[in-house]
mmCIF file of all heavy atoms, coordinates in Angstrom:
data_MODEL
# 
_entry.id   MODEL 
# 
loop_
_atom_site.group_PDB 
_atom_site.id 
_atom_site.type_symbol 
_atom_site.label_atom_id 
_atom_site.label_alt_id 
_atom_site.label_comp_id 
_atom_site.label_asym_id 
_atom_site.label_entity_id 
_atom_site.label_seq_id 
_atom_site.pdbx_PDB_ins_code 
_atom_site.Cartn_x 
_atom_site.Cartn_y 
_atom_site.Cartn_z 
_atom_site.occupancy 
_atom_site.B_iso_or_equiv 
_atom_site.pdbx_formal_charge 
_atom_site.auth_seq_id 
_atom_site.auth_comp_id 
_atom_site.auth_asym_id 
_atom_site.auth_atom_id 
_atom_site.pdbx_PDB_model_num 
ATOM 1   N N   . GLN A 1 1  ? -7.965  -1.337  -0.835  1.00 0.00 ? 1  GLN A N   1 
ATOM 2   C CA  . GLN A 1 1  ? -6.970  -0.780  0.064   1.00 0.00 ? 1  GLN A CA  1 
ATOM 3   C C   . GLN A 1 1  ? -6.246  -1.859  0.871   1.00 0.00 ? 1  GLN A C   1 
ATOM 4   O O   . GLN A 1 1  ? -5.023  -1.828  1.005   1.00 0.00 ? 1  GLN A O   1 
ATOM 5   C CB  . GLN A 1 1  ? -7.631  0.237   1.006   1.00 0.00 ? 1  GLN A CB  1 
ATOM 6   C CG  . GLN A 1 1  ? -8.310  1.390   0.305   1.00 0.00 ? 1  GLN A CG  1 
ATOM 7   C CD  . GLN A 1 1  ? -7.391  2.177   -0.596  1.00 0.00 ? 1  GLN A CD  1 
ATOM 8   O OE1 . GLN A 1 1  ? -6.282  2.546   -0.189  1.00 0.00 ? 1  GLN A OE1 1 
ATOM 9   N NE2 . GLN A 1 1  ? -7.829  2.440   -1.814  1.00 0.00 ? 1  GLN A NE2 1 
ATOM 10  N N   . ALA A 1 2  ? -6.998  -2.800  1.414   1.00 0.00 ? 2  ALA A N   1 
ATOM 11  C CA  . ALA A 1 2  ? -6.370  -3.838  2.231   1.00 0.00 ? 2  ALA A CA  1 
ATOM 12  C C   . ALA A 1 2  ? -5.363  -4.644  1.423   1.00 0.00 ? 2  ALA A C   1 
ATOM 13  O O   . ALA A 1 2  ? -4.301  -5.037  1.928   1.00 0.00 ? 2  ALA A O   1 
ATOM 14  C CB  . ALA A 1 2  ? -7.442  -4.762  2.820   1.00 0.00 ? 2  ALA A CB  1 
ATOM 15  N N   . GLU A 1 3  ? -5.692  -4.875  0.155   1.00 0.00 ? 3  GLU A N   1 
ATOM 16  C CA  . GLU A 1 3  ? -4.789  -5.604  -0.734  1.00 0.00 ? 3  GLU A CA  1 
ATOM 17  C C   . GLU A 1 3  ? -3.487  -4.831  -0.930  1.00 0.00 ? 3  GLU A C   1 
ATOM 18  O O   . GLU A 1 3  ? -2.378  -5.405  -0.891  1.00 0.00 ? 3  GLU A O   1 
ATOM 19  C CB  . GLU A 1 3  ? -5.508  -5.798  -2.067  1.00 0.00 ? 3  GLU A CB  1 
ATOM 20  C CG  . GLU A 1 3  ? -4.847  -6.730  -3.048  1.00 0.00 ? 3  GLU A CG  1 
ATOM 21  C CD  . GLU A 1 3  ? -5.657  -6.853  -4.327  1.00 0.00 ? 3  GLU A CD  1 
ATOM 22  O OE1 . GLU A 1 3  ? -6.722  -6.200  -4.439  1.00 0.00 ? 3  GLU A OE1 1 
ATOM 23  O OE2 . GLU A 1 3  ? -5.211  -7.591  -5.203  1.00 0.00 ? 3  GLU A OE2 1 
ATOM 24  N N   . ALA A 1 4  ? -3.600  -3.525  -1.133  1.00 0.00 ? 4  ALA A N   1 
ATOM 25  C CA  . ALA A 1 4  ? -2.403  -2.697  -1.318  1.00 0.00 ? 4  ALA A CA  1 
ATOM 26  C C   . ALA A 1 4  ? -1.551  -2.677  -0.054  1.00 0.00 ? 4  ALA A C   1 
ATOM 27  O O   . ALA A 1 4  ? -0.317  -2.808  -0.113  1.00 0.00 ? 4  ALA A O   1 
ATOM 28  C CB  . ALA A 1 4  ? -2.805  -1.269  -1.705  1.00 0.00 ? 4  ALA A CB  1 
ATOM 29  N N   . HIS A 1 5  ? -2.184  -2.527  1.096   1.00 0.00 ? 5  HIS A N   1 
ATOM 30  C CA  . HIS A 1 5  ? -1.422  -2.503  2.345   1.00 0.00 ? 5  HIS A CA  1 
ATOM 31  C C   . HIS A 1 5  ? -0.758  -3.852  2.610   1.00 0.00 ? 5  HIS A C   1 
ATOM 32  O O   . HIS A 1 5  ? 0.370   -3.898  3.133   1.00 0.00 ? 5  HIS A O   1 
ATOM 33  C CB  . HIS A 1 5  ? -2.339  -2.104  3.499   1.00 0.00 ? 5  HIS A CB  1 
ATOM 34  C CG  . HIS A 1 5  ? -2.613  -0.632  3.540   1.00 0.00 ? 5  HIS A CG  1 
ATOM 35  N ND1 . HIS A 1 5  ? -1.865  0.251   4.304   1.00 0.00 ? 5  HIS A ND1 1 
ATOM 36  C CD2 . HIS A 1 5  ? -3.529  0.130   2.894   1.00 0.00 ? 5  HIS A CD2 1 
ATOM 37  C CE1 . HIS A 1 5  ? -2.319  1.481   4.133   1.00 0.00 ? 5  HIS A CE1 1 
ATOM 38  N NE2 . HIS A 1 5  ? -3.332  1.433   3.279   1.00 0.00 ? 5  HIS A NE2 1 
ATOM 39  N N   . ALA A 1 6  ? -1.420  -4.935  2.239   1.00 0.00 ? 6  ALA A N   1 
ATOM 40  C CA  . ALA A 1 6  ? -0.818  -6.258  2.420   1.00 0.00 ? 6  ALA A CA  1 
ATOM 41  C C   . ALA A 1 6  ? 0.426   -6.415  1.551   1.00 0.00 ? 6  ALA A C   1 
ATOM 42  O O   . ALA A 1 6  ? 1.447   -6.970  1.992   1.00 0.00 ? 6  ALA A O   1 
ATOM 43  C CB  . ALA A 1 6  ? -1.840  -7.349  2.093   1.00 0.00 ? 6  ALA A CB  1 
ATOM 44  N N   . LEU A 1 7  ? 0.370   -5.910  0.327   1.00 0.00 ? 7  LEU A N   1 
ATOM 45  C CA  . LEU A 1 7  ? 1.529   -5.975  -0.561  1.00 0.00 ? 7  LEU A CA  1 
ATOM 46  C C   . LEU A 1 7  ? 2.685   -5.149  -0.009  1.00 0.00 ? 7  LEU A C   1 
ATOM 47  O O   . LEU A 1 7  ? 3.845   -5.599  -0.016  1.00 0.00 ? 7  LEU A O   1 
ATOM 48  C CB  . LEU A 1 7  ? 1.141   -5.475  -1.944  1.00 0.00 ? 7  LEU A CB  1 
ATOM 49  C CG  . LEU A 1 7  ? 0.259   -6.405  -2.782  1.00 0.00 ? 7  LEU A CG  1 
ATOM 50  C CD1 . LEU A 1 7  ? -0.423  -5.624  -3.904  1.00 0.00 ? 7  LEU A CD1 1 
ATOM 51  C CD2 . LEU A 1 7  ? 1.086   -7.555  -3.353  1.00 0.00 ? 7  LEU A CD2 1 
ATOM 52  N N   . VAL A 1 8  ? 2.386   -3.952  0.475   1.00 0.00 ? 8  VAL A N   1 
ATOM 53  C CA  . VAL A 1 8  ? 3.424   -3.095  1.051   1.00 0.00 ? 8  VAL A CA  1 
ATOM 54  C C   . VAL A 1 8  ? 4.084   -3.784  2.236   1.00 0.00 ? 8  VAL A C   1 
ATOM 55  O O   . VAL A 1 8  ? 5.317   -3.789  2.369   1.00 0.00 ? 8  VAL A O   1 
ATOM 56  C CB  . VAL A 1 8  ? 2.815   -1.738  1.458   1.00 0.00 ? 8  VAL A CB  1 
ATOM 57  C CG1 . VAL A 1 8  ? 3.772   -0.956  2.360   1.00 0.00 ? 8  VAL A CG1 1 
ATOM 58  C CG2 . VAL A 1 8  ? 2.474   -0.919  0.214   1.00 0.00 ? 8  VAL A CG2 1 
ATOM 59  N N   . GLN A 1 9  ? 3.279   -4.387  3.089   1.00 0.00 ? 9  GLN A N   1 
ATOM 60  C CA  . GLN A 1 9  ? 3.837   -5.073  4.259   1.00 0.00 ? 9  GLN A CA  1 
ATOM 61  C C   . GLN A 1 9  ? 4.649   -6.288  3.855   1.00 0.00 ? 9  GLN A C   1 
ATOM 62  O O   . GLN A 1 9  ? 5.672   -6.601  4.465   1.00 0.00 ? 9  GLN A O   1 
ATOM 63  C CB  . GLN A 1 9  ? 2.707   -5.462  5.206   1.00 0.00 ? 9  GLN A CB  1 
ATOM 64  C CG  . GLN A 1 9  ? 2.072   -4.266  5.915   1.00 0.00 ? 9  GLN A CG  1 
ATOM 65  C CD  . GLN A 1 9  ? 0.932   -4.675  6.816   1.00 0.00 ? 9  GLN A CD  1 
ATOM 66  O OE1 . GLN A 1 9  ? -0.141  -5.046  6.360   1.00 0.00 ? 9  GLN A OE1 1 
ATOM 67  N NE2 . GLN A 1 9  ? 1.156   -4.606  8.117   1.00 0.00 ? 9  GLN A NE2 1 
ATOM 68  N N   . GLU A 1 10 ? 4.193   -6.987  2.819   1.00 0.00 ? 10 GLU A N   1 
ATOM 69  C CA  . GLU A 1 10 ? 4.921   -8.179  2.378   1.00 0.00 ? 10 GLU A CA  1 
ATOM 70  C C   . GLU A 1 10 ? 6.282   -7.820  1.791   1.00 0.00 ? 10 GLU A C   1 
ATOM 71  O O   . GLU A 1 10 ? 7.274   -8.510  2.035   1.00 0.00 ? 10 GLU A O   1 
ATOM 72  C CB  . GLU A 1 10 ? 4.078   -8.949  1.356   1.00 0.00 ? 10 GLU A CB  1 
ATOM 73  C CG  . GLU A 1 10 ? 4.586   -10.347 1.066   1.00 0.00 ? 10 GLU A CG  1 
ATOM 74  C CD  . GLU A 1 10 ? 3.580   -11.214 0.343   1.00 0.00 ? 10 GLU A CD  1 
ATOM 75  O OE1 . GLU A 1 10 ? 2.376   -10.864 0.327   1.00 0.00 ? 10 GLU A OE1 1 
ATOM 76  O OE2 . GLU A 1 10 ? 4.001   -12.244 -0.219  1.00 0.00 ? 10 GLU A OE2 1 
ATOM 77  N N   . VAL A 1 11 ? 6.342   -6.747  1.013   1.00 0.00 ? 11 VAL A N   1 
ATOM 78  C CA  . VAL A 1 11 ? 7.636   -6.305  0.473   1.00 0.00 ? 11 VAL A CA  1 
ATOM 79  C C   . VAL A 1 11 ? 8.530   -5.827  1.612   1.00 0.00 ? 11 VAL A C   1 
ATOM 80  O O   . VAL A 1 11 ? 9.732   -6.111  1.637   1.00 0.00 ? 11 VAL A O   1 
ATOM 81  C CB  . VAL A 1 11 ? 7.422   -5.201  -0.570  1.00 0.00 ? 11 VAL A CB  1 
ATOM 82  C CG1 . VAL A 1 11 ? 8.767   -4.594  -0.992  1.00 0.00 ? 11 VAL A CG1 1 
ATOM 83  C CG2 . VAL A 1 11 ? 6.697   -5.748  -1.793  1.00 0.00 ? 11 VAL A CG2 1 
ATOM 84  N N   . GLY A 1 12 ? 7.961   -5.093  2.551   1.00 0.00 ? 12 GLY A N   1 
ATOM 85  C CA  . GLY A 1 12 ? 8.706   -4.703  3.746   1.00 0.00 ? 12 GLY A CA  1 
ATOM 86  C C   . GLY A 1 12 ? 9.702   -3.584  3.546   1.00 0.00 ? 12 GLY A C   1 
ATOM 87  O O   . GLY A 1 12 ? 10.623  -3.426  4.362   1.00 0.00 ? 12 GLY A O   1 
ATOM 88  N N   . ALA A 1 13 ? 9.536   -2.785  2.505   1.00 0.00 ? 13 ALA A N   1 
ATOM 89  C CA  . ALA A 1 13 ? 10.433  -1.656  2.257   1.00 0.00 ? 13 ALA A CA  1 
ATOM 90  C C   . ALA A 1 13 ? 9.803   -0.387  2.814   1.00 0.00 ? 13 ALA A C   1 
ATOM 91  O O   . ALA A 1 13 ? 8.649   -0.082  2.514   1.00 0.00 ? 13 ALA A O   1 
ATOM 92  C CB  . ALA A 1 13 ? 10.703  -1.492  0.765   1.00 0.00 ? 13 ALA A CB  1 
ATOM 93  N N   . SER A 1 14 ? 10.535  0.366   3.604   1.00 0.00 ? 14 SER A N   1 
ATOM 94  C CA  . SER A 1 14 ? 9.966   1.550   4.253   1.00 0.00 ? 14 SER A CA  1 
ATOM 95  C C   . SER A 1 14 ? 9.596   2.639   3.263   1.00 0.00 ? 14 SER A C   1 
ATOM 96  O O   . SER A 1 14 ? 8.789   3.525   3.583   1.00 0.00 ? 14 SER A O   1 
ATOM 97  C CB  . SER A 1 14 ? 10.954  2.109   5.284   1.00 0.00 ? 14 SER A CB  1 
ATOM 98  O OG  . SER A 1 14 ? 12.160  2.523   4.654   1.00 0.00 ? 14 SER A OG  1 
ATOM 99  N N   . ASN A 1 15 ? 10.150  2.612   2.058   1.00 0.00 ? 15 ASN A N   1 
ATOM 100 C CA  . ASN A 1 15 ? 9.852   3.637   1.054   1.00 0.00 ? 15 ASN A CA  1 
ATOM 101 C C   . ASN A 1 15 ? 8.819   3.169   0.023   1.00 0.00 ? 15 ASN A C   1 
ATOM 102 O O   . ASN A 1 15 ? 8.635   3.823   -1.003  1.00 0.00 ? 15 ASN A O   1 
ATOM 103 C CB  . ASN A 1 15 ? 11.128  4.091   0.341   1.00 0.00 ? 15 ASN A CB  1 
ATOM 104 C CG  . ASN A 1 15 ? 11.742  2.996   -0.520  1.00 0.00 ? 15 ASN A CG  1 
ATOM 105 O OD1 . ASN A 1 15 ? 11.757  1.827   -0.122  1.00 0.00 ? 15 ASN A OD1 1 
ATOM 106 N ND2 . ASN A 1 15 ? 12.255  3.366   -1.681  1.00 0.00 ? 15 ASN A ND2 1 
ATOM 107 N N   . LEU A 1 16 ? 8.143   2.043   0.274   1.00 0.00 ? 16 LEU A N   1 
ATOM 108 C CA  . LEU A 1 16 ? 7.028   1.607   -0.561  1.00 0.00 ? 16 LEU A CA  1 
ATOM 109 C C   . LEU A 1 16 ? 5.736   1.896   0.187   1.00 0.00 ? 16 LEU A C   1 
ATOM 110 O O   . LEU A 1 16 ? 5.527   1.412   1.300   1.00 0.00 ? 16 LEU A O   1 
ATOM 111 C CB  . LEU A 1 16 ? 7.131   0.110   -0.872  1.00 0.00 ? 16 LEU A CB  1 
ATOM 112 C CG  . LEU A 1 16 ? 6.000   -0.459  -1.724  1.00 0.00 ? 16 LEU A CG  1 
ATOM 113 C CD1 . LEU A 1 16 ? 5.968   0.179   -3.112  1.00 0.00 ? 16 LEU A CD1 1 
ATOM 114 C CD2 . LEU A 1 16 ? 6.117   -1.976  -1.830  1.00 0.00 ? 16 LEU A CD2 1 
ATOM 115 N N   . LYS A 1 17 ? 4.866   2.720   -0.431  1.00 0.00 ? 17 LYS A N   1 
ATOM 116 C CA  . LYS A 1 17 ? 3.673   3.190   0.270   1.00 0.00 ? 17 LYS A CA  1 
ATOM 117 C C   . LYS A 1 17 ? 2.444   3.115   -0.635  1.00 0.00 ? 17 LYS A C   1 
ATOM 118 O O   . LYS A 1 17 ? 2.544   2.824   -1.826  1.00 0.00 ? 17 LYS A O   1 
ATOM 119 C CB  . LYS A 1 17 ? 3.887   4.622   0.772   1.00 0.00 ? 17 LYS A CB  1 
ATOM 120 C CG  . LYS A 1 17 ? 5.039   4.713   1.780   1.00 0.00 ? 17 LYS A CG  1 
ATOM 121 C CD  . LYS A 1 17 ? 5.215   6.103   2.337   1.00 0.00 ? 17 LYS A CD  1 
ATOM 122 C CE  . LYS A 1 17 ? 6.362   6.128   3.360   1.00 0.00 ? 17 LYS A CE  1 
ATOM 123 N NZ  . LYS A 1 17 ? 6.537   7.483   3.943   1.00 0.00 ? 17 LYS A NZ  1 
ATOM 124 N N   . VAL A 1 18 ? 1.306   3.400   -0.040  1.00 0.00 ? 18 VAL A N   1 
ATOM 125 C CA  . VAL A 1 18 ? 0.029   3.352   -0.745  1.00 0.00 ? 18 VAL A CA  1 
ATOM 126 C C   . VAL A 1 18 ? -0.392  4.758   -1.154  1.00 0.00 ? 18 VAL A C   1 
ATOM 127 O O   . VAL A 1 18 ? -0.258  5.711   -0.381  1.00 0.00 ? 18 VAL A O   1 
ATOM 128 C CB  . VAL A 1 18 ? -1.061  2.709   0.131   1.00 0.00 ? 18 VAL A CB  1 
ATOM 129 C CG1 . VAL A 1 18 ? -2.422  2.746   -0.573  1.00 0.00 ? 18 VAL A CG1 1 
ATOM 130 C CG2 . VAL A 1 18 ? -0.683  1.276   0.497   1.00 0.00 ? 18 VAL A CG2 1 
ATOM 131 N N   . GLN A 1 19 ? -0.880  4.874   -2.366  1.00 0.00 ? 19 GLN A N   1 
ATOM 132 C CA  . GLN A 1 19 ? -1.491  6.109   -2.863  1.00 0.00 ? 19 GLN A CA  1 
ATOM 133 C C   . GLN A 1 19 ? -3.004  5.930   -2.722  1.00 0.00 ? 19 GLN A C   1 
ATOM 134 O O   . GLN A 1 19 ? -3.613  5.142   -3.450  1.00 0.00 ? 19 GLN A O   1 
ATOM 135 C CB  . GLN A 1 19 ? -1.084  6.310   -4.320  1.00 0.00 ? 19 GLN A CB  1 
ATOM 136 C CG  . GLN A 1 19 ? -1.598  7.568   -4.975  1.00 0.00 ? 19 GLN A CG  1 
ATOM 137 C CD  . GLN A 1 19 ? -0.970  7.736   -6.341  1.00 0.00 ? 19 GLN A CD  1 
ATOM 138 O OE1 . GLN A 1 19 ? 0.237   7.549   -6.521  1.00 0.00 ? 19 GLN A OE1 1 
ATOM 139 N NE2 . GLN A 1 19 ? -1.778  8.085   -7.335  1.00 0.00 ? 19 GLN A NE2 1 
ATOM 140 N N   . LEU A 1 20 ? -3.604  6.632   -1.786  1.00 0.00 ? 20 LEU A N   1 
ATOM 141 C CA  . LEU A 1 20 ? -5.029  6.481   -1.479  1.00 0.00 ? 20 LEU A CA  1 
ATOM 142 C C   . LEU A 1 20 ? -5.824  7.545   -2.237  1.00 0.00 ? 20 LEU A C   1 
ATOM 143 O O   . LEU A 1 20 ? -5.842  8.711   -1.853  1.00 0.00 ? 20 LEU A O   1 
ATOM 144 C CB  . LEU A 1 20 ? -5.263  6.594   0.030   1.00 0.00 ? 20 LEU A CB  1 
ATOM 145 C CG  . LEU A 1 20 ? -6.713  6.697   0.522   1.00 0.00 ? 20 LEU A CG  1 
ATOM 146 C CD1 . LEU A 1 20 ? -7.586  5.574   -0.028  1.00 0.00 ? 20 LEU A CD1 1 
ATOM 147 C CD2 . LEU A 1 20 ? -6.739  6.698   2.058   1.00 0.00 ? 20 LEU A CD2 1 
ATOM 148 N N   . ASP A 1 21 ? -6.446  7.120   -3.304  1.00 0.00 ? 21 ASP A N   1 
ATOM 149 C CA  . ASP A 1 21 ? -7.305  8.005   -4.084  1.00 0.00 ? 21 ASP A CA  1 
ATOM 150 C C   . ASP A 1 21 ? -8.731  7.818   -3.567  1.00 0.00 ? 21 ASP A C   1 
ATOM 151 O O   . ASP A 1 21 ? -9.331  6.751   -3.721  1.00 0.00 ? 21 ASP A O   1 
ATOM 152 C CB  . ASP A 1 21 ? -7.204  7.638   -5.566  1.00 0.00 ? 21 ASP A CB  1 
ATOM 153 C CG  . ASP A 1 21 ? -7.928  8.623   -6.463  1.00 0.00 ? 21 ASP A CG  1 
ATOM 154 O OD1 . ASP A 1 21 ? -9.056  9.025   -6.115  1.00 0.00 ? 21 ASP A OD1 1 
ATOM 155 O OD2 . ASP A 1 21 ? -7.376  8.979   -7.529  1.00 0.00 ? 21 ASP A OD2 1 
ATOM 156 N N   . LEU A 1 22 ? -9.272  8.861   -2.962  1.00 0.00 ? 22 LEU A N   1 
ATOM 157 C CA  . LEU A 1 22 ? -10.586 8.753   -2.328  1.00 0.00 ? 22 LEU A CA  1 
ATOM 158 C C   . LEU A 1 22 ? -11.696 8.564   -3.354  1.00 0.00 ? 22 LEU A C   1 
ATOM 159 O O   . LEU A 1 22 ? -12.740 7.987   -3.036  1.00 0.00 ? 22 LEU A O   1 
ATOM 160 C CB  . LEU A 1 22 ? -10.841 9.980   -1.461  1.00 0.00 ? 22 LEU A CB  1 
ATOM 161 C CG  . LEU A 1 22 ? -9.861  10.138  -0.289  1.00 0.00 ? 22 LEU A CG  1 
ATOM 162 C CD1 . LEU A 1 22 ? -10.088 11.466  0.418   1.00 0.00 ? 22 LEU A CD1 1 
ATOM 163 C CD2 . LEU A 1 22 ? -9.974  8.984   0.695   1.00 0.00 ? 22 LEU A CD2 1 
ATOM 164 N N   . TYR A 1 23 ? -11.482 9.007   -4.569  1.00 0.00 ? 23 TYR A N   1 
ATOM 165 C CA  . TYR A 1 23 ? -12.444 8.774   -5.648  1.00 0.00 ? 23 TYR A CA  1 
ATOM 166 C C   . TYR A 1 23 ? -12.543 7.270   -5.946  1.00 0.00 ? 23 TYR A C   1 
ATOM 167 O O   . TYR A 1 23 ? -13.622 6.684   -5.944  1.00 0.00 ? 23 TYR A O   1 
ATOM 168 C CB  . TYR A 1 23 ? -12.020 9.563   -6.882  1.00 0.00 ? 23 TYR A CB  1 
ATOM 169 C CG  . TYR A 1 23 ? -12.687 9.157   -8.172  1.00 0.00 ? 23 TYR A CG  1 
ATOM 170 C CD1 . TYR A 1 23 ? -13.972 9.591   -8.483  1.00 0.00 ? 23 TYR A CD1 1 
ATOM 171 C CD2 . TYR A 1 23 ? -12.012 8.343   -9.085  1.00 0.00 ? 23 TYR A CD2 1 
ATOM 172 C CE1 . TYR A 1 23 ? -14.579 9.219   -9.679  1.00 0.00 ? 23 TYR A CE1 1 
ATOM 173 C CE2 . TYR A 1 23 ? -12.610 7.975   -10.286 1.00 0.00 ? 23 TYR A CE2 1 
ATOM 174 C CZ  . TYR A 1 23 ? -13.892 8.409   -10.579 1.00 0.00 ? 23 TYR A CZ  1 
ATOM 175 O OH  . TYR A 1 23 ? -14.489 8.032   -11.760 1.00 0.00 ? 23 TYR A OH  1 
ATOM 176 N N   . HIS A 1 24 ? -11.407 6.649   -6.200  1.00 0.00 ? 24 HIS A N   1 
ATOM 177 C CA  . HIS A 1 24 ? -11.407 5.208   -6.479  1.00 0.00 ? 24 HIS A CA  1 
ATOM 178 C C   . HIS A 1 24 ? -11.925 4.417   -5.278  1.00 0.00 ? 24 HIS A C   1 
ATOM 179 O O   . HIS A 1 24 ? -12.707 3.472   -5.431  1.00 0.00 ? 24 HIS A O   1 
ATOM 180 C CB  . HIS A 1 24 ? -10.000 4.738   -6.838  1.00 0.00 ? 24 HIS A CB  1 
ATOM 181 C CG  . HIS A 1 24 ? -9.498  5.254   -8.150  1.00 0.00 ? 24 HIS A CG  1 
ATOM 182 N ND1 . HIS A 1 24 ? -10.166 5.076   -9.332  1.00 0.00 ? 24 HIS A ND1 1 
ATOM 183 C CD2 . HIS A 1 24 ? -8.376  5.956   -8.450  1.00 0.00 ? 24 HIS A CD2 1 
ATOM 184 C CE1 . HIS A 1 24 ? -9.487  5.632   -10.316 1.00 0.00 ? 24 HIS A CE1 1 
ATOM 185 N NE2 . HIS A 1 24 ? -8.389  6.175   -9.805  1.00 0.00 ? 24 HIS A NE2 1 
# 
């Protein structure tokens, strides 16, 4: 999760988000 959030923040686009699958 932290890796995905870091990528989203680095791209900096408000419409790029994380899909959090609780199973994974």
